[in-house]
Amino acid sequence: MTQLLQLSVDLPGDLQRLRLPAGVQHRLDELLDKQEGGAALTPAERDEAEGLVDMAELLSLLRLKAERAQP
């Protein structure tokens, strides 16, 4: 079942800030590089990577929607 949820969020004036923090992005890059290098991720690493990718995608969508909403 799909639900619609509408939120009001105060966005930063600089929409480029709607990204993963540098340290978190670095960790995601490490995990993806490990996987692309042929090494298997542990189940915990795979869960971590999936969660970080989900978060990055959400932030990208928020940034895109905010950019489109600006006059």
C-alpha atoms as a PDB file:
ATOM      1  CA  MET A   1       0.000   0.000   0.000  1.00  0.00           C
ATOM      2  CA  THR A   2       1.334   3.412  -0.956  1.00  0.00           C
ATOM      3  CA  GLN A   3       0.843   6.339   1.389  1.00  0.00           C
ATOM      4  CA  LEU A   4       1.281  10.000   0.628  1.00  0.00           C
ATOM      5  CA  LEU A   5       3.118  12.030   3.235  1.00  0.00           C
ATOM      6  CA  GLN A   6       3.551  15.770   2.901  1.00  0.00           C
ATOM      7  CA  LEU A   7       6.181  17.513   5.019  1.00  0.00           C
ATOM      8  CA  SER A   8       7.237  21.104   5.413  1.00  0.00           C
ATOM      9  CA  VAL A   9      10.986  21.403   5.725  1.00  0.00           C
ATOM     10  CA  ASP A  10      13.145  24.485   6.166  1.00  0.00           C
ATOM     11  CA  LEU A  11      15.826  24.068   3.527  1.00  0.00           C
ATOM     12  CA  PRO A  12      19.262  25.617   3.678  1.00  0.00           C
ATOM     13  CA  GLY A  13      19.783  28.611   1.411  1.00  0.00           C
ATOM     14  CA  ASP A  14      22.615  26.720  -0.242  1.00  0.00           C
ATOM     15  CA  LEU A  15      20.951  23.665  -1.757  1.00  0.00           C
ATOM     16  CA  GLN A  16      24.349  22.085  -2.406  1.00  0.00           C
ATOM     17  CA  ARG A  17      24.421  21.362   1.331  1.00  0.00           C
ATOM     18  CA  LEU A  18      21.724  18.736   0.741  1.00  0.00           C
ATOM     19  CA  ARG A  19      24.390  16.070   0.266  1.00  0.00           C
ATOM     20  CA  LEU A  20      25.952  13.422   2.425  1.00  0.00           C
ATOM     21  CA  PRO A  21      28.556  14.880   4.781  1.00  0.00           C
ATOM     22  CA  ALA A  22      32.106  14.378   3.485  1.00  0.00           C
ATOM     23  CA  GLY A  23      32.969  11.632   5.980  1.00  0.00           C
ATOM     24  CA  VAL A  24      29.806   9.697   5.220  1.00  0.00           C
ATOM     25  CA  GLN A  25      30.370  10.066   1.467  1.00  0.00           C
ATOM     26  CA  HIS A  26      33.941   8.827   1.966  1.00  0.00           C
ATOM     27  CA  ARG A  27      32.681   5.728   3.776  1.00  0.00           C
ATOM     28  CA  LEU A  28      30.172   5.022   1.010  1.00  0.00           C
ATOM     29  CA  ASP A  29      32.916   5.424  -1.596  1.00  0.00           C
ATOM     30  CA  GLU A  30      35.119   2.971   0.336  1.00  0.00           C
ATOM     31  CA  LEU A  31      32.371   0.369   0.444  1.00  0.00           C
ATOM     32  CA  LEU A  32      31.514   0.768  -3.239  1.00  0.00           C
ATOM     33  CA  ASP A  33      35.187   0.691  -4.256  1.00  0.00           C
ATOM     34  CA  LYS A  34      35.663  -2.504  -2.256  1.00  0.00           C
ATOM     35  CA  GLN A  35      32.703  -4.116  -3.959  1.00  0.00           C
ATOM     36  CA  GLU A  36      33.715  -2.924  -7.432  1.00  0.00           C
ATOM     37  CA  GLY A  37      37.227  -4.222  -6.779  1.00  0.00           C
ATOM     38  CA  GLY A  38      35.826  -7.724  -6.557  1.00  0.00           C
ATOM     39  CA  ALA A  39      35.841  -8.105  -2.769  1.00  0.00           C
ATOM     40  CA  ALA A  40      32.649  -9.295  -1.162  1.00  0.00           C
ATOM     41  CA  LEU A  41      31.073  -7.007   1.384  1.00  0.00           C
ATOM     42  CA  THR A  42      30.125  -8.497   4.714  1.00  0.00           C
ATOM     43  CA  PRO A  43      26.388  -8.538   5.436  1.00  0.00           C
ATOM     44  CA  ALA A  44      26.867  -5.559   7.789  1.00  0.00           C
ATOM     45  CA  GLU A  45      28.830  -3.634   5.144  1.00  0.00           C
ATOM     46  CA  ARG A  46      26.187  -4.415   2.520  1.00  0.00           C
ATOM     47  CA  ASP A  47      23.437  -3.138   4.828  1.00  0.00           C
ATOM     48  CA  GLU A  48      25.496  -0.025   5.562  1.00  0.00           C
ATOM     49  CA  ALA A  49      26.128   0.646   1.875  1.00  0.00           C
ATOM     50  CA  GLU A  50      22.462   0.141   0.989  1.00  0.00           C
ATOM     51  CA  GLY A  51      21.394   2.539   3.742  1.00  0.00           C
ATOM     52  CA  LEU A  52      23.904   5.175   2.652  1.00  0.00           C
ATOM     53  CA  VAL A  53      22.834   4.886  -0.984  1.00  0.00           C
ATOM     54  CA  ASP A  54      19.189   5.269   0.089  1.00  0.00           C
ATOM     55  CA  MET A  55      20.094   8.372   2.084  1.00  0.00           C
ATOM     56  CA  ALA A  56      22.090   9.880  -0.800  1.00  0.00           C
ATOM     57  CA  GLU A  57      19.183   9.265  -3.167  1.00  0.00           C
ATOM     58  CA  LEU A  58      16.724  10.880  -0.760  1.00  0.00           C
ATOM     59  CA  LEU A  59      18.924  13.953  -0.403  1.00  0.00           C
ATOM     60  CA  SER A  60      19.257  14.172  -4.193  1.00  0.00           C
ATOM     61  CA  LEU A  61      15.487  14.031  -4.602  1.00  0.00           C
ATOM     62  CA  LEU A  62      14.988  16.702  -1.938  1.00  0.00           C
ATOM     63  CA  ARG A  63      17.575  18.922  -3.615  1.00  0.00           C
ATOM     64  CA  LEU A  64      15.920  18.471  -7.025  1.00  0.00           C
ATOM     65  CA  LYS A  65      12.458  19.223  -5.673  1.00  0.00           C
ATOM     66  CA  ALA A  66      13.757  22.285  -3.826  1.00  0.00           C
ATOM     67  CA  GLU A  67      15.495  23.578  -6.946  1.00  0.00           C
ATOM     68  CA  ARG A  68      12.308  23.154  -8.981  1.00  0.00           C
ATOM     69  CA  ALA A  69      10.247  24.925  -6.306  1.00  0.00           C
ATOM     70  CA  GLN A  70      12.432  28.026  -6.287  1.00  0.00           C
ATOM     71  CA  PRO A  71      11.081  30.999  -8.222  1.00  0.00           C
END
